Amino acid sequence: MTIASILGAIVIGAVVGALGRLLLPGRQPIGWVLTVVVGIVAALIGTAIAQVLGVATTNGIDWIELVMQVVLAAVGVGLVASMRRSRV
C-alpha cells in the first residue's frame, strides 16, 4: 500500500461519506472524521459487492458501484448517528 492509495481512499471515503450524509434528513451528531471513516468502509464494502455482482469493471465511471457505496454510506452514517444519540 502506497501513500497515494491511502490518500486516495481518504478522499474517496470523504466524498462517499459526505454524499451518504446528504441523503439523510436532518442533522447527524457525528463529526467529519467519523463521516470519512464511514465513507471509507462503505466504499470498500460497495466495491466488494460490485465485484461479486460483476459490475465493478465497466468503461468510464462505475455508476452502479458508486450508488452502492453512497447508499451504504447513508446507512452507515445513520447507524453511527443513532448510536451517538443513544449515548447522549
N, C-alpha and C. Protein backbone atom coordinates (compact mmCIF):
# COMPACT_ATOMS: atom_id res chain seq x y z
N MET A 1 0.83 -1.17 0.00
CA MET A 1 0.00 0.00 0.00
C MET A 1 0.88 1.24 0.00
N THR A 2 0.59 2.13 -0.94
CA THR A 2 1.40 3.34 -1.04
C THR A 2 0.68 4.52 -0.40
N ILE A 3 1.42 5.58 -0.24
CA ILE A 3 0.84 6.81 0.32
C ILE A 3 -0.28 7.32 -0.59
N ALA A 4 -0.07 7.22 -1.89
CA ALA A 4 -1.09 7.69 -2.84
C ALA A 4 -2.38 6.90 -2.71
N SER A 5 -2.29 5.58 -2.51
CA SER A 5 -3.51 4.79 -2.37
C SER A 5 -4.22 5.09 -1.05
N ILE A 6 -3.46 5.37 -0.01
CA ILE A 6 -4.06 5.72 1.28
C ILE A 6 -4.77 7.08 1.16
N LEU A 7 -4.09 8.06 0.55
CA LEU A 7 -4.71 9.37 0.37
C LEU A 7 -5.93 9.28 -0.55
N GLY A 8 -5.85 8.44 -1.57
CA GLY A 8 -6.98 8.24 -2.46
C GLY A 8 -8.17 7.65 -1.73
N ALA A 9 -7.92 6.68 -0.84
CA ALA A 9 -9.00 6.08 -0.05
C ALA A 9 -9.64 7.11 0.87
N ILE A 10 -8.83 7.99 1.44
CA ILE A 10 -9.36 9.03 2.32
C ILE A 10 -10.23 10.01 1.53
N VAL A 11 -9.76 10.42 0.36
CA VAL A 11 -10.52 11.36 -0.46
C VAL A 11 -11.83 10.72 -0.93
N ILE A 12 -11.76 9.51 -1.43
CA ILE A 12 -12.97 8.81 -1.89
C ILE A 12 -13.91 8.57 -0.71
N GLY A 13 -13.36 8.19 0.43
CA GLY A 13 -14.18 8.00 1.62
C GLY A 13 -14.87 9.27 2.06
N ALA A 14 -14.16 10.40 1.96
CA ALA A 14 -14.76 11.68 2.33
C ALA A 14 -15.90 12.03 1.39
N VAL A 15 -15.71 11.82 0.10
CA VAL A 15 -16.76 12.14 -0.87
C VAL A 15 -17.95 11.22 -0.70
N VAL A 16 -17.70 9.91 -0.59
CA VAL A 16 -18.79 8.95 -0.42
C VAL A 16 -19.51 9.19 0.90
N GLY A 17 -18.77 9.44 1.96
CA GLY A 17 -19.39 9.71 3.25
C GLY A 17 -20.23 10.98 3.24
N ALA A 18 -19.71 12.03 2.60
CA ALA A 18 -20.46 13.28 2.52
C ALA A 18 -21.73 13.11 1.69
N LEU A 19 -21.64 12.39 0.57
CA LEU A 19 -22.84 12.15 -0.23
C LEU A 19 -23.86 11.32 0.53
N GLY A 20 -23.38 10.31 1.25
CA GLY A 20 -24.28 9.50 2.05
C GLY A 20 -24.95 10.31 3.14
N ARG A 21 -24.19 11.21 3.72
CA ARG A 21 -24.72 12.07 4.79
C ARG A 21 -25.77 13.04 4.24
N LEU A 22 -25.58 13.51 3.01
CA LEU A 22 -26.53 14.41 2.38
C LEU A 22 -27.87 13.74 2.11
N LEU A 23 -27.87 12.43 1.94
CA LEU A 23 -29.11 11.71 1.68
C LEU A 23 -30.00 11.63 2.91
N LEU A 24 -29.42 11.76 4.08
CA LEU A 24 -30.18 11.64 5.32
C LEU A 24 -30.81 12.98 5.69
N PRO A 25 -32.07 12.96 6.11
CA PRO A 25 -32.70 14.22 6.53
C PRO A 25 -32.22 14.65 7.90
N GLY A 26 -32.23 15.94 8.14
CA GLY A 26 -31.87 16.45 9.46
C GLY A 26 -30.38 16.51 9.68
N ARG A 27 -30.03 16.72 10.94
CA ARG A 27 -28.63 16.87 11.33
C ARG A 27 -28.15 15.59 12.01
N GLN A 28 -26.96 15.13 11.65
CA GLN A 28 -26.38 13.96 12.27
C GLN A 28 -25.31 14.39 13.26
N PRO A 29 -25.37 13.84 14.49
CA PRO A 29 -24.43 14.27 15.53
C PRO A 29 -23.07 13.56 15.44
N ILE A 30 -22.50 13.50 14.25
CA ILE A 30 -21.17 12.92 14.11
C ILE A 30 -20.29 13.93 13.39
N GLY A 31 -19.02 13.86 13.65
CA GLY A 31 -18.07 14.80 13.05
C GLY A 31 -17.60 14.34 11.68
N TRP A 32 -16.74 15.14 11.12
CA TRP A 32 -16.26 14.83 9.78
C TRP A 32 -15.33 13.63 9.77
N VAL A 33 -14.61 13.38 10.86
CA VAL A 33 -13.71 12.21 10.90
C VAL A 33 -14.52 10.92 10.83
N LEU A 34 -15.59 10.84 11.62
CA LEU A 34 -16.44 9.65 11.55
C LEU A 34 -17.11 9.53 10.20
N THR A 35 -17.48 10.65 9.59
CA THR A 35 -18.08 10.62 8.26
C THR A 35 -17.10 10.03 7.25
N VAL A 36 -15.85 10.43 7.32
CA VAL A 36 -14.83 9.91 6.40
C VAL A 36 -14.60 8.42 6.66
N VAL A 37 -14.52 8.02 7.92
CA VAL A 37 -14.32 6.60 8.25
C VAL A 37 -15.48 5.77 7.73
N VAL A 38 -16.70 6.22 7.95
CA VAL A 38 -17.87 5.50 7.45
C VAL A 38 -17.82 5.46 5.92
N GLY A 39 -17.42 6.56 5.29
CA GLY A 39 -17.31 6.60 3.83
C GLY A 39 -16.27 5.63 3.29
N ILE A 40 -15.13 5.52 3.96
CA ILE A 40 -14.10 4.58 3.53
C ILE A 40 -14.60 3.15 3.64
N VAL A 41 -15.23 2.82 4.76
CA VAL A 41 -15.76 1.47 4.95
C VAL A 41 -16.85 1.19 3.91
N ALA A 42 -17.74 2.15 3.68
CA ALA A 42 -18.80 1.97 2.70
C ALA A 42 -18.23 1.80 1.29
N ALA A 43 -17.19 2.54 0.97
CA ALA A 43 -16.56 2.42 -0.35
C ALA A 43 -15.94 1.03 -0.53
N LEU A 44 -15.28 0.53 0.50
CA LEU A 44 -14.67 -0.80 0.41
C LEU A 44 -15.74 -1.89 0.27
N ILE A 45 -16.78 -1.81 1.08
CA ILE A 45 -17.84 -2.82 1.03
C ILE A 45 -18.59 -2.72 -0.30
N GLY A 46 -18.88 -1.49 -0.75
CA GLY A 46 -19.56 -1.30 -2.02
C GLY A 46 -18.77 -1.84 -3.19
N THR A 47 -17.46 -1.64 -3.17
CA THR A 47 -16.61 -2.18 -4.23
C THR A 47 -16.61 -3.70 -4.21
N ALA A 48 -16.55 -4.29 -3.01
CA ALA A 48 -16.57 -5.75 -2.90
C ALA A 48 -17.88 -6.32 -3.44
N ILE A 49 -18.99 -5.69 -3.09
CA ILE A 49 -20.30 -6.16 -3.58
C ILE A 49 -20.37 -6.01 -5.10
N ALA A 50 -19.88 -4.89 -5.62
CA ALA A 50 -19.89 -4.67 -7.07
C ALA A 50 -19.04 -5.71 -7.79
N GLN A 51 -17.92 -6.10 -7.20
CA GLN A 51 -17.08 -7.13 -7.82
C GLN A 51 -17.78 -8.48 -7.82
N VAL A 52 -18.48 -8.80 -6.73
CA VAL A 52 -19.20 -10.07 -6.67
C VAL A 52 -20.31 -10.10 -7.72
N LEU A 53 -20.99 -8.95 -7.90
CA LEU A 53 -22.07 -8.87 -8.87
C LEU A 53 -21.57 -8.70 -10.30
N GLY A 54 -20.28 -8.44 -10.46
CA GLY A 54 -19.69 -8.30 -11.79
C GLY A 54 -19.91 -6.94 -12.43
N VAL A 55 -20.15 -5.91 -11.65
CA VAL A 55 -20.37 -4.57 -12.20
C VAL A 55 -19.26 -3.59 -11.82
N ALA A 56 -18.18 -4.08 -11.27
CA ALA A 56 -17.12 -3.19 -10.78
C ALA A 56 -16.22 -2.69 -11.90
N THR A 57 -16.12 -3.43 -12.99
CA THR A 57 -15.20 -3.03 -14.05
C THR A 57 -15.98 -2.73 -15.32
N THR A 58 -16.39 -1.49 -15.44
CA THR A 58 -17.08 -1.03 -16.64
C THR A 58 -16.29 0.10 -17.25
N ASN A 59 -16.61 0.43 -18.49
CA ASN A 59 -15.94 1.55 -19.14
C ASN A 59 -16.46 2.85 -18.55
N GLY A 60 -15.57 3.76 -18.24
CA GLY A 60 -15.98 5.05 -17.69
C GLY A 60 -16.23 4.96 -16.20
N ILE A 61 -17.17 5.78 -15.74
CA ILE A 61 -17.49 5.84 -14.31
C ILE A 61 -18.37 4.65 -13.95
N ASP A 62 -18.05 3.99 -12.88
CA ASP A 62 -18.83 2.85 -12.40
C ASP A 62 -20.00 3.35 -11.57
N TRP A 63 -21.08 3.76 -12.23
CA TRP A 63 -22.22 4.38 -11.56
C TRP A 63 -22.90 3.44 -10.59
N ILE A 64 -23.03 2.17 -10.97
CA ILE A 64 -23.70 1.21 -10.09
C ILE A 64 -22.89 1.04 -8.81
N GLU A 65 -21.60 0.92 -8.94
CA GLU A 65 -20.72 0.79 -7.77
C GLU A 65 -20.80 2.05 -6.90
N LEU A 66 -20.79 3.22 -7.52
CA LEU A 66 -20.85 4.47 -6.77
C LEU A 66 -22.17 4.60 -6.01
N VAL A 67 -23.27 4.22 -6.64
CA VAL A 67 -24.57 4.27 -5.97
C VAL A 67 -24.58 3.33 -4.77
N MET A 68 -24.03 2.13 -4.95
CA MET A 68 -23.95 1.18 -3.82
C MET A 68 -23.14 1.77 -2.67
N GLN A 69 -22.02 2.39 -2.98
CA GLN A 69 -21.16 2.97 -1.96
C GLN A 69 -21.88 4.09 -1.20
N VAL A 70 -22.58 4.96 -1.93
CA VAL A 70 -23.26 6.09 -1.30
C VAL A 70 -24.42 5.61 -0.44
N VAL A 71 -25.17 4.62 -0.92
CA VAL A 71 -26.28 4.08 -0.12
C VAL A 71 -25.74 3.42 1.14
N LEU A 72 -24.66 2.67 1.02
CA LEU A 72 -24.06 2.05 2.19
C LEU A 72 -23.53 3.12 3.16
N ALA A 73 -22.99 4.21 2.63
CA ALA A 73 -22.53 5.30 3.49
C ALA A 73 -23.69 5.95 4.22
N ALA A 74 -24.82 6.12 3.54
CA ALA A 74 -26.00 6.70 4.19
C ALA A 74 -26.48 5.80 5.32
N VAL A 75 -26.51 4.49 5.07
CA VAL A 75 -26.90 3.55 6.12
C VAL A 75 -25.90 3.60 7.27
N GLY A 76 -24.62 3.62 6.95
CA GLY A 76 -23.59 3.67 7.98
C GLY A 76 -23.64 4.94 8.80
N VAL A 77 -23.81 6.09 8.15
CA VAL A 77 -23.91 7.35 8.88
C VAL A 77 -25.15 7.33 9.77
N GLY A 78 -26.25 6.79 9.26
CA GLY A 78 -27.46 6.70 10.07
C GLY A 78 -27.27 5.83 11.30
N LEU A 79 -26.58 4.71 11.12
CA LEU A 79 -26.33 3.81 12.26
C LEU A 79 -25.41 4.47 13.29
N VAL A 80 -24.34 5.08 12.83
CA VAL A 80 -23.40 5.73 13.75
C VAL A 80 -24.09 6.89 14.45
N ALA A 81 -24.88 7.66 13.73
CA ALA A 81 -25.58 8.79 14.34
C ALA A 81 -26.58 8.31 15.39
N SER A 82 -27.28 7.22 15.11
CA SER A 82 -28.24 6.71 16.10
C SER A 82 -27.53 6.18 17.34
N MET A 83 -26.35 5.59 17.17
CA MET A 83 -25.59 5.11 18.32
C MET A 83 -25.09 6.30 19.15
N ARG A 84 -24.70 7.37 18.47
CA ARG A 84 -24.23 8.57 19.18
C ARG A 84 -25.38 9.23 19.94
N ARG A 85 -26.57 9.23 19.36
CA ARG A 85 -27.72 9.83 20.02
C ARG A 85 -28.11 9.05 21.27
N SER A 86 -28.01 7.72 21.19
CA SER A 86 -28.42 6.90 22.33
C SER A 86 -27.47 7.05 23.51
N ARG A 87 -26.23 7.43 23.26
CA ARG A 87 -25.26 7.63 24.35
C ARG A 87 -25.49 8.94 25.08
N VAL A 88 -26.01 9.91 24.36
CA VAL A 88 -26.17 11.25 24.94
C VAL A 88 -27.43 11.38 25.71
